[in-house]
Amino acid sequence: QAHLVESGGGSVQPGDTLNLSCTASGFTWDDYVIGWFRRARGPGREDVSCISMKDGITYYSDRVKGRFTISRDNAKNTMYLQMNNLKREDTDVYFCAAAPLMSDVETMCARVEFGSWGQGTQVTVWP
């Protein structure tokens, strides 16, 4: 069974940078898409960014495009999210999640149900 653990959250000021990490185990890394999500303002989740562990293809939501960078280290089974120029509206609990690769990364990030989730890490941008 897939097991994911996030780390790297914290409290920062607007314009600062945070780096999140997601370490995974229990599944074949290359066959999956790993993503970062945060709580939506309404029902469901808000997709932030996803990456195919097979070929490194990435997707970013419009809210974070140009500010966040997702990357992976297959040797360490770890995925990263570098968050630059953080804004107050980025305040949220960030979760990493995994799903078997079954479509393009954008479709998976925006529409596919991810079955394995970490416990989340809090990011607070204040004041």
Foldseek 3Di string as FASTA:
>chain_A
DKAKAKDWADEEAAQAKTKMKIAMDDDDQQQKKKFKWFPDPDPDIHGAKIARSNPGDMDGDPVQPPFKDWDDDVVRNMIMIMGGRDDQVVWTWMKMFMDGDDDDGVCCRPPNDTDGIYPTDTHGHDD
